[in-house]
C-alpha cells in the first residue's frame, strides 16, 4: 500500500474511531499524529477522497463519509488483521 493509500485508509478509519458522522479537518489531522509530513499527507488524502467521492465537504472544514466512503471504510476494516470477516453463503 502506498503512503497516499495508507493516509487515505487512516482518514476513513477516523470516523469510526471518533464515533462521529462528520469530522473537521483538525480531527482528521489526528490520523497523521504529530509529524508535520504525515499531517500534510492527511491533507492531501482528504482532498483525494473528496475527488473520488468517498468524502463530502460539509463546509467550515467539516467532512463526512459518503455512502461509497462508508463502504470503503467497511472493506478496509474487514481486510485488516483482526477486522470483521464476511462470509456470504
PDB file of N, CA and C in Angstrom:
ATOM      1  N   UNK A   1       0.856  -1.173   0.000  1.00  0.00           N
ATOM      2  CA  UNK A   1       0.000   0.000   0.000  1.00  0.00           C
ATOM      3  C   UNK A   1       0.903   1.238   0.000  1.00  0.00           C
ATOM      4  N   UNK A   2       0.599   2.180  -0.897  1.00  0.00           N
ATOM      5  CA  UNK A   2       1.408   3.396  -0.978  1.00  0.00           C
ATOM      6  C   UNK A   2       1.132   4.294   0.228  1.00  0.00           C
ATOM      7  N   UNK A   3       2.008   5.271   0.432  1.00  0.00           N
ATOM      8  CA  UNK A   3       1.841   6.202   1.549  1.00  0.00           C
ATOM      9  C   UNK A   3       0.522   6.969   1.420  1.00  0.00           C
ATOM     10  N   UNK A   4       0.155   7.328   0.192  1.00  0.00           N
ATOM     11  CA  UNK A   4      -1.101   8.042  -0.038  1.00  0.00           C
ATOM     12  C   UNK A   4      -2.290   7.161   0.306  1.00  0.00           C
ATOM     13  N   UNK A   5      -2.250   5.913  -0.119  1.00  0.00           N
ATOM     14  CA  UNK A   5      -3.331   4.981   0.186  1.00  0.00           C
ATOM     15  C   UNK A   5      -3.425   4.727   1.689  1.00  0.00           C
ATOM     16  N   UNK A   6      -2.271   4.639   2.340  1.00  0.00           N
ATOM     17  CA  UNK A   6      -2.243   4.422   3.788  1.00  0.00           C
ATOM     18  C   UNK A   6      -2.868   5.609   4.517  1.00  0.00           C
ATOM     19  N   UNK A   7      -2.526   6.828   4.105  1.00  0.00           N
ATOM     20  CA  UNK A   7      -3.110   8.025   4.726  1.00  0.00           C
ATOM     21  C   UNK A   7      -4.611   8.065   4.492  1.00  0.00           C
ATOM     22  N   UNK A   8      -5.051   7.715   3.278  1.00  0.00           N
ATOM     23  CA  UNK A   8      -6.484   7.700   2.970  1.00  0.00           C
ATOM     24  C   UNK A   8      -7.210   6.671   3.829  1.00  0.00           C
ATOM     25  N   UNK A   9      -6.615   5.500   4.016  1.00  0.00           N
ATOM     26  CA  UNK A   9      -7.226   4.468   4.854  1.00  0.00           C
ATOM     27  C   UNK A   9      -7.344   4.938   6.300  1.00  0.00           C
ATOM     28  N   UNK A  10      -6.316   5.623   6.803  1.00  0.00           N
ATOM     29  CA  UNK A  10      -6.373   6.147   8.171  1.00  0.00           C
ATOM     30  C   UNK A  10      -7.468   7.204   8.305  1.00  0.00           C
ATOM     31  N   UNK A  11      -7.607   8.061   7.292  1.00  0.00           N
ATOM     32  CA  UNK A  11      -8.652   9.092   7.321  1.00  0.00           C
ATOM     33  C   UNK A  11     -10.027   8.434   7.365  1.00  0.00           C
ATOM     34  N   UNK A  12     -10.263   7.448   6.506  1.00  0.00           N
ATOM     35  CA  UNK A  12     -11.554   6.759   6.512  1.00  0.00           C
ATOM     36  C   UNK A  12     -11.827   6.123   7.868  1.00  0.00           C
ATOM     37  N   UNK A  13     -10.808   5.569   8.491  1.00  0.00           N
ATOM     38  CA  UNK A  13     -10.961   4.925   9.788  1.00  0.00           C
ATOM     39  C   UNK A  13     -11.231   5.886  10.928  1.00  0.00           C
ATOM     40  N   UNK A  14     -10.876   7.149  10.758  1.00  0.00           N
ATOM     41  CA  UNK A  14     -11.075   8.139  11.825  1.00  0.00           C
ATOM     42  C   UNK A  14     -12.541   8.336  12.183  1.00  0.00           C
ATOM     43  N   UNK A  15     -13.450   8.169  11.227  1.00  0.00           N
ATOM     44  CA  UNK A  15     -14.867   8.357  11.510  1.00  0.00           C
ATOM     45  C   UNK A  15     -15.360   7.327  12.514  1.00  0.00           C
ATOM     46  N   UNK A  16     -14.901   6.088  12.383  1.00  0.00           N
ATOM     47  CA  UNK A  16     -15.274   5.061  13.358  1.00  0.00           C
ATOM     48  C   UNK A  16     -14.578   5.309  14.694  1.00  0.00           C
ATOM     49  N   UNK A  17     -13.293   5.637  14.644  1.00  0.00           N
ATOM     50  CA  UNK A  17     -12.522   5.877  15.869  1.00  0.00           C
ATOM     51  C   UNK A  17     -13.157   6.991  16.694  1.00  0.00           C
ATOM     52  N   UNK A  18     -13.547   8.078  16.021  1.00  0.00           N
ATOM     53  CA  UNK A  18     -14.120   9.232  16.707  1.00  0.00           C
ATOM     54  C   UNK A  18     -15.616   9.049  16.990  1.00  0.00           C
ATOM     55  N   UNK A  19     -16.251   8.091  16.315  1.00  0.00           N
ATOM     56  CA  UNK A  19     -17.672   7.841  16.536  1.00  0.00           C
ATOM     57  C   UNK A  19     -18.572   8.980  16.088  1.00  0.00           C
ATOM     58  N   UNK A  20     -18.180   9.640  14.999  1.00  0.00           N
ATOM     59  CA  UNK A  20     -18.952  10.783  14.502  1.00  0.00           C
ATOM     60  C   UNK A  20     -19.261  10.613  13.018  1.00  0.00           C
ATOM     61  N   UNK A  21     -20.358  11.259  12.590  1.00  0.00           N
ATOM     62  CA  UNK A  21     -20.723  11.255  11.173  1.00  0.00           C
ATOM     63  C   UNK A  21     -19.955  12.295  10.381  1.00  0.00           C
ATOM     64  N   UNK A  22     -19.532  13.378  11.051  1.00  0.00           N
ATOM     65  CA  UNK A  22     -18.778  14.442  10.397  1.00  0.00           C
ATOM     66  C   UNK A  22     -17.595  14.815  11.281  1.00  0.00           C
ATOM     67  N   UNK A  23     -16.464  15.054  10.636  1.00  0.00           N
ATOM     68  CA  UNK A  23     -15.249  15.438  11.358  1.00  0.00           C
ATOM     69  C   UNK A  23     -14.671  16.684  10.715  1.00  0.00           C
ATOM     70  N   UNK A  24     -14.073  17.539  11.549  1.00  0.00           N
ATOM     71  CA  UNK A  24     -13.405  18.695  10.960  1.00  0.00           C
ATOM     72  C   UNK A  24     -11.960  18.320  10.623  1.00  0.00           C
ATOM     73  N   UNK A  25     -11.360  19.150   9.815  1.00  0.00           N
ATOM     74  CA  UNK A  25     -10.019  18.850   9.320  1.00  0.00           C
ATOM     75  C   UNK A  25      -9.021  18.645  10.453  1.00  0.00           C
ATOM     76  N   UNK A  26      -9.169  19.392  11.534  1.00  0.00           N
ATOM     77  CA  UNK A  26      -8.239  19.241  12.660  1.00  0.00           C
ATOM     78  C   UNK A  26      -8.374  17.867  13.312  1.00  0.00           C
ATOM     79  N   UNK A  27      -9.596  17.343  13.393  1.00  0.00           N
ATOM     80  CA  UNK A  27      -9.774  15.987  13.922  1.00  0.00           C
ATOM     81  C   UNK A  27      -9.161  14.967  12.970  1.00  0.00           C
ATOM     82  N   UNK A  28      -9.320  15.190  11.676  1.00  0.00           N
ATOM     83  CA  UNK A  28      -8.754  14.262  10.696  1.00  0.00           C
ATOM     84  C   UNK A  28      -7.234  14.282  10.715  1.00  0.00           C
ATOM     85  N   UNK A  29      -6.647  15.431  11.057  1.00  0.00           N
ATOM     86  CA  UNK A  29      -5.186  15.508  11.157  1.00  0.00           C
ATOM     87  C   UNK A  29      -4.642  14.533  12.190  1.00  0.00           C
ATOM     88  N   UNK A  30      -5.455  14.132  13.152  1.00  0.00           N
ATOM     89  CA  UNK A  30      -5.004  13.168  14.157  1.00  0.00           C
ATOM     90  C   UNK A  30      -4.578  11.852  13.517  1.00  0.00           C
ATOM     91  N   UNK A  31      -5.089  11.561  12.310  1.00  0.00           N
ATOM     92  CA  UNK A  31      -4.680  10.353  11.597  1.00  0.00           C
ATOM     93  C   UNK A  31      -3.196  10.406  11.245  1.00  0.00           C
ATOM     94  N   UNK A  32      -2.617  11.620  11.232  1.00  0.00           N
ATOM     95  CA  UNK A  32      -1.200  11.779  10.926  1.00  0.00           C
ATOM     96  C   UNK A  32      -0.321  11.935  12.144  1.00  0.00           C
ATOM     97  N   UNK A  33      -0.930  11.963  13.330  1.00  0.00           N
ATOM     98  CA  UNK A  33      -0.141  12.137  14.541  1.00  0.00           C
ATOM     99  C   UNK A  33       0.471  13.520  14.596  1.00  0.00           C
ATOM    100  N   UNK A  34       1.632  13.627  15.214  1.00  0.00           N
ATOM    101  CA  UNK A  34       2.295  14.924  15.392  1.00  0.00           C
ATOM    102  C   UNK A  34       3.315  15.252  14.310  1.00  0.00           C
ATOM    103  N   UNK A  35       3.553  14.328  13.406  1.00  0.00           N
ATOM    104  CA  UNK A  35       4.545  14.525  12.348  1.00  0.00           C
ATOM    105  C   UNK A  35       3.991  15.457  11.269  1.00  0.00           C
ATOM    106  N   UNK A  36       4.652  16.592  11.024  1.00  0.00           N
ATOM    107  CA  UNK A  36       4.151  17.540  10.017  1.00  0.00           C
ATOM    108  C   UNK A  36       3.999  16.931   8.621  1.00  0.00           C
ATOM    109  N   UNK A  37       4.921  16.065   8.222  1.00  0.00           N
ATOM    110  CA  UNK A  37       4.812  15.431   6.907  1.00  0.00           C
ATOM    111  C   UNK A  37       3.614  14.495   6.844  1.00  0.00           C
ATOM    112  N   UNK A  38       3.358  13.773   7.932  1.00  0.00           N
ATOM    113  CA  UNK A  38       2.206  12.880   7.974  1.00  0.00           C
ATOM    114  C   UNK A  38       0.907  13.682   7.945  1.00  0.00           C
ATOM    115  N   UNK A  39       0.880  14.817   8.619  1.00  0.00           N
ATOM    116  CA  UNK A  39      -0.319  15.675   8.589  1.00  0.00           C
ATOM    117  C   UNK A  39      -0.535  16.248   7.188  1.00  0.00           C
ATOM    118  N   UNK A  40       0.536  16.579   6.509  1.00  0.00           N
ATOM    119  CA  UNK A  40       0.429  17.056   5.131  1.00  0.00           C
ATOM    120  C   UNK A  40      -0.138  15.948   4.250  1.00  0.00           C
ATOM    121  N   UNK A  41       0.308  14.718   4.479  1.00  0.00           N
ATOM    122  CA  UNK A  41      -0.216  13.579   3.719  1.00  0.00           C
ATOM    123  C   UNK A  41      -1.708  13.399   3.985  1.00  0.00           C
ATOM    124  N   UNK A  42      -2.141  13.624   5.226  1.00  0.00           N
ATOM    125  CA  UNK A  42      -3.567  13.537   5.561  1.00  0.00           C
ATOM    126  C   UNK A  42      -4.343  14.600   4.784  1.00  0.00           C
ATOM    127  N   UNK A  43      -3.820  15.814   4.725  1.00  0.00           N
ATOM    128  CA  UNK A  43      -4.482  16.877   3.979  1.00  0.00           C
ATOM    129  C   UNK A  43      -4.695  16.463   2.529  1.00  0.00           C
ATOM    130  N   UNK A  44      -3.638  15.952   1.893  1.00  0.00           N
ATOM    131  CA  UNK A  44      -3.750  15.529   0.501  1.00  0.00           C
ATOM    132  C   UNK A  44      -4.682  14.327   0.360  1.00  0.00           C
ATOM    133  N   UNK A  45      -4.680  13.430   1.350  1.00  0.00           N
ATOM    134  CA  UNK A  45      -5.578  12.276   1.319  1.00  0.00           C
ATOM    135  C   UNK A  45      -7.036  12.727   1.388  1.00  0.00           C
ATOM    136  N   UNK A  46      -7.330  13.709   2.231  1.00  0.00           N
ATOM    137  CA  UNK A  46      -8.700  14.234   2.335  1.00  0.00           C
ATOM    138  C   UNK A  46      -9.128  14.804   0.983  1.00  0.00           C
ATOM    139  N   UNK A  47      -8.269  15.599   0.357  1.00  0.00           N
ATOM    140  CA  UNK A  47      -8.601  16.171  -0.948  1.00  0.00           C
ATOM    141  C   UNK A  47      -8.838  15.071  -1.980  1.00  0.00           C
ATOM    142  N   UNK A  48      -7.999  14.035  -1.949  1.00  0.00           N
ATOM    143  CA  UNK A  48      -8.140  12.916  -2.868  1.00  0.00           C
ATOM    144  C   UNK A  48      -9.440  12.159  -2.626  1.00  0.00           C
ATOM    145  N   UNK A  49      -9.796  11.949  -1.365  1.00  0.00           N
ATOM    146  CA  UNK A  49     -11.025  11.234  -1.037  1.00  0.00           C
ATOM    147  C   UNK A  49     -12.255  12.029  -1.471  1.00  0.00           C
ATOM    148  N   UNK A  50     -12.192  13.351  -1.381  1.00  0.00           N
ATOM    149  CA  UNK A  50     -13.295  14.195  -1.872  1.00  0.00           C
ATOM    150  C   UNK A  50     -13.412  14.036  -3.386  1.00  0.00           C
ATOM    151  N   UNK A  51     -12.282  14.117  -4.079  1.00  0.00           N
ATOM    152  CA  UNK A  51     -12.285  13.976  -5.536  1.00  0.00           C
ATOM    153  C   UNK A  51     -12.831  12.621  -5.976  1.00  0.00           C
ATOM    154  N   UNK A  52     -12.557  11.583  -5.202  1.00  0.00           N
ATOM    155  CA  UNK A  52     -13.007  10.220  -5.530  1.00  0.00           C
ATOM    156  C   UNK A  52     -14.439   9.955  -5.079  1.00  0.00           C
ATOM    157  N   UNK A  53     -15.057  10.919  -4.392  1.00  0.00           N
ATOM    158  CA  UNK A  53     -16.443  10.760  -3.959  1.00  0.00           C
ATOM    159  C   UNK A  53     -16.616   9.947  -2.694  1.00  0.00           C
ATOM    160  N   UNK A  54     -15.548   9.766  -1.921  1.00  0.00           N
ATOM    161  CA  UNK A  54     -15.632   8.993  -0.682  1.00  0.00           C
ATOM    162  C   UNK A  54     -15.883   9.887   0.527  1.00  0.00           C
ATOM    163  N   UNK A  55     -15.516  11.150   0.420  1.00  0.00           N
ATOM    164  CA  UNK A  55     -15.812  12.152   1.449  1.00  0.00           C
ATOM    165  C   UNK A  55     -16.587  13.285   0.802  1.00  0.00           C
ATOM    166  N   UNK A  56     -17.423  13.921   1.615  1.00  0.00           N
ATOM    167  CA  UNK A  56     -18.187  15.070   1.161  1.00  0.00           C
ATOM    168  C   UNK A  56     -17.829  16.273   2.024  1.00  0.00           C
ATOM    169  N   UNK A  57     -17.538  17.389   1.382  1.00  0.00           N
ATOM    170  CA  UNK A  57     -17.273  18.617   2.134  1.00  0.00           C
ATOM    171  C   UNK A  57     -18.591  19.144   2.682  1.00  0.00           C
ATOM    172  N   UNK A  58     -18.594  19.471   3.975  1.00  0.00           N
ATOM    173  CA  UNK A  58     -19.813  19.940   4.627  1.00  0.00           C
ATOM    174  C   UNK A  58     -19.742  21.420   4.996  1.00  0.00           C
ATOM    175  N   UNK A  59     -18.659  22.091   4.661  1.00  0.00           N
ATOM    176  CA  UNK A  59     -18.488  23.499   4.987  1.00  0.00           C
ATOM    177  C   UNK A  59     -17.724  23.670   6.285  1.00  0.00           C
ATOM    178  N   UNK A  60     -17.077  24.824   6.419  1.00  0.00           N
ATOM    179  CA  UNK A  60     -16.300  25.148   7.628  1.00  0.00           C
ATOM    180  C   UNK A  60     -15.291  24.064   7.992  1.00  0.00           C
ATOM    181  N   UNK A  61     -14.654  23.479   6.978  1.00  0.00           N
ATOM    182  CA  UNK A  61     -13.630  22.429   7.164  1.00  0.00           C
ATOM    183  C   UNK A  61     -14.172  21.133   7.740  1.00  0.00           C
ATOM    184  N   UNK A  62     -15.477  20.885   7.628  1.00  0.00           N
ATOM    185  CA  UNK A  62     -16.055  19.615   8.065  1.00  0.00           C
ATOM    186  C   UNK A  62     -16.244  18.700   6.865  1.00  0.00           C
ATOM    187  N   UNK A  63     -16.049  17.401   7.117  1.00  0.00           N
ATOM    188  CA  UNK A  63     -16.180  16.382   6.086  1.00  0.00           C
ATOM    189  C   UNK A  63     -16.992  15.224   6.642  1.00  0.00           C
ATOM    190  N   UNK A  64     -17.750  14.571   5.763  1.00  0.00           N
ATOM    191  CA  UNK A  64     -18.483  13.375   6.163  1.00  0.00           C
ATOM    192  C   UNK A  64     -18.268  12.298   5.111  1.00  0.00           C
ATOM    193  N   UNK A  65     -18.457  11.058   5.519  1.00  0.00           N
ATOM    194  CA  UNK A  65     -18.353   9.941   4.587  1.00  0.00           C
ATOM    195  C   UNK A  65     -19.572   9.917   3.678  1.00  0.00           C
ATOM    196  N   UNK A  66     -19.367   9.641   2.419  1.00  0.00           N
ATOM    197  CA  UNK A  66     -20.473   9.368   1.507  1.00  0.00           C
ATOM    198  C   UNK A  66     -20.823   7.884   1.666  1.00  0.00           C
ATOM    199  N   UNK A  67     -21.871   7.436   0.977  1.00  0.00           N
ATOM    200  CA  UNK A  67     -22.197   6.007   1.012  1.00  0.00           C
ATOM    201  C   UNK A  67     -21.018   5.182   0.515  1.00  0.00           C
ATOM    202  N   UNK A  68     -20.381   5.657  -0.556  1.00  0.00           N
ATOM    203  CA  UNK A  68     -19.203   4.952  -1.089  1.00  0.00           C
ATOM    204  C   UNK A  68     -18.060   4.960  -0.076  1.00  0.00           C
ATOM    205  N   UNK A  69     -17.913   6.051   0.660  1.00  0.00           N
ATOM    206  CA  UNK A  69     -16.883   6.141   1.685  1.00  0.00           C
ATOM    207  C   UNK A  69     -17.139   5.185   2.836  1.00  0.00           C
ATOM    208  N   UNK A  70     -18.402   5.064   3.238  1.00  0.00           N
ATOM    209  CA  UNK A  70     -18.741   4.103   4.306  1.00  0.00           C
ATOM    210  C   UNK A  70     -18.429   2.677   3.864  1.00  0.00           C
ATOM    211  N   UNK A  71     -18.744   2.369   2.605  1.00  0.00           N
ATOM    212  CA  UNK A  71     -18.451   1.035   2.072  1.00  0.00           C
ATOM    213  C   UNK A  71     -16.944   0.790   2.030  1.00  0.00           C
ATOM    214  N   UNK A  72     -16.185   1.780   1.589  1.00  0.00           N
ATOM    215  CA  UNK A  72     -14.722   1.644   1.556  1.00  0.00           C
ATOM    216  C   UNK A  72     -14.168   1.461   2.962  1.00  0.00           C
ATOM    217  N   UNK A  73     -14.713   2.170   3.934  1.00  0.00           N
ATOM    218  CA  UNK A  73     -14.260   2.034   5.323  1.00  0.00           C
ATOM    219  C   UNK A  73     -14.581   0.636   5.851  1.00  0.00           C
ATOM    220  N   UNK A  74     -15.766   0.118   5.501  1.00  0.00           N
ATOM    221  CA  UNK A  74     -16.127  -1.255   5.930  1.00  0.00           C
ATOM    222  C   UNK A  74     -15.172  -2.275   5.325  1.00  0.00           C
ATOM    223  N   UNK A  75     -14.868  -2.113   4.028  1.00  0.00           N
ATOM    224  CA  UNK A  75     -13.940  -3.040   3.370  1.00  0.00           C
ATOM    225  C   UNK A  75     -12.562  -2.963   4.004  1.00  0.00           C
ATOM    226  N   UNK A  76     -12.115  -1.750   4.311  1.00  0.00           N
ATOM    227  CA  UNK A  76     -10.808  -1.554   4.949  1.00  0.00           C
ATOM    228  C   UNK A  76     -10.757  -2.279   6.280  1.00  0.00           C
ATOM    229  N   UNK A  77     -11.812  -2.141   7.066  1.00  0.00           N
ATOM    230  CA  UNK A  77     -11.853  -2.780   8.376  1.00  0.00           C
ATOM    231  C   UNK A  77     -11.852  -4.300   8.243  1.00  0.00           C
ATOM    232  N   UNK A  78     -12.585  -4.823   7.268  1.00  0.00           N
ATOM    233  CA  UNK A  78     -12.665  -6.274   7.067  1.00  0.00           C
ATOM    234  C   UNK A  78     -11.339  -6.857   6.592  1.00  0.00           C
ATOM    235  N   UNK A  79     -10.548  -6.061   5.873  1.00  0.00           N
ATOM    236  CA  UNK A  79      -9.290  -6.561   5.314  1.00  0.00           C
ATOM    237  C   UNK A  79      -8.127  -6.511   6.284  1.00  0.00           C
ATOM    238  N   UNK A  80      -8.207  -5.693   7.328  1.00  0.00           N
ATOM    239  CA  UNK A  80      -7.069  -5.584   8.240  1.00  0.00           C
ATOM    240  C   UNK A  80      -7.108  -6.743   9.250  1.00  0.00           C
ATOM    241  N   UNK A  81      -5.947  -7.113   9.763  1.00  0.00           N
ATOM    242  CA  UNK A  81      -5.897  -8.205  10.736  1.00  0.00           C
ATOM    243  C   UNK A  81      -6.784  -7.889  11.944  1.00  0.00           C
ATOM    244  N   UNK A  82      -7.586  -8.871  12.342  1.00  0.00           N
ATOM    245  CA  UNK A  82      -8.469  -8.692  13.491  1.00  0.00           C
ATOM    246  C   UNK A  82      -9.759  -7.984  13.135  1.00  0.00           C
ATOM    247  N   UNK A  83      -9.926  -7.623  11.845  1.00  0.00           N
ATOM    248  CA  UNK A  83     -11.150  -6.960  11.405  1.00  0.00           C
ATOM    249  C   UNK A  83     -12.267  -7.958  11.227  1.00  0.00           C
ATOM    250  N   UNK A  84     -13.426  -7.416  10.926  1.00  0.00           N
ATOM    251  CA  UNK A  84     -14.570  -8.287  10.690  1.00  0.00           C
ATOM    252  C   UNK A  84     -14.338  -9.066   9.420  1.00  0.00           C
ATOM    253  N   UNK A  85     -14.839 -10.278   9.364  1.00  0.00           N
ATOM    254  CA  UNK A  85     -14.819 -11.039   8.138  1.00  0.00           C
ATOM    255  C   UNK A  85     -16.251 -11.324   7.743  1.00  0.00           C
ATOM    256  N   UNK A  86     -16.492 -11.314   6.464  1.00  0.00           N
ATOM    257  CA  UNK A  86     -17.840 -11.532   5.969  1.00  0.00           C
ATOM    258  C   UNK A  86     -17.872 -12.845   5.232  1.00  0.00           C
ATOM    259  N   UNK A  87     -18.843 -13.660   5.568  1.00  0.00           N
ATOM    260  CA  UNK A  87     -18.985 -14.958   4.912  1.00  0.00           C
ATOM    261  C   UNK A  87     -20.336 -14.993   4.233  1.00  0.00           C
ATOM    262  N   UNK A  88     -20.346 -14.876   2.914  1.00  0.00           N
ATOM    263  CA  UNK A  88     -21.594 -14.973   2.147  1.00  0.00           C
ATOM    264  C   UNK A  88     -21.847 -16.413   1.820  1.00  0.00           C
ATOM    265  N   UNK A  89     -23.071 -16.826   2.044  1.00  0.00           N
ATOM    266  CA  UNK A  89     -23.419 -18.213   1.726  1.00  0.00           C
ATOM    267  C   UNK A  89     -24.360 -18.253   0.572  1.00  0.00           C
TER     268      UNK A  89
END
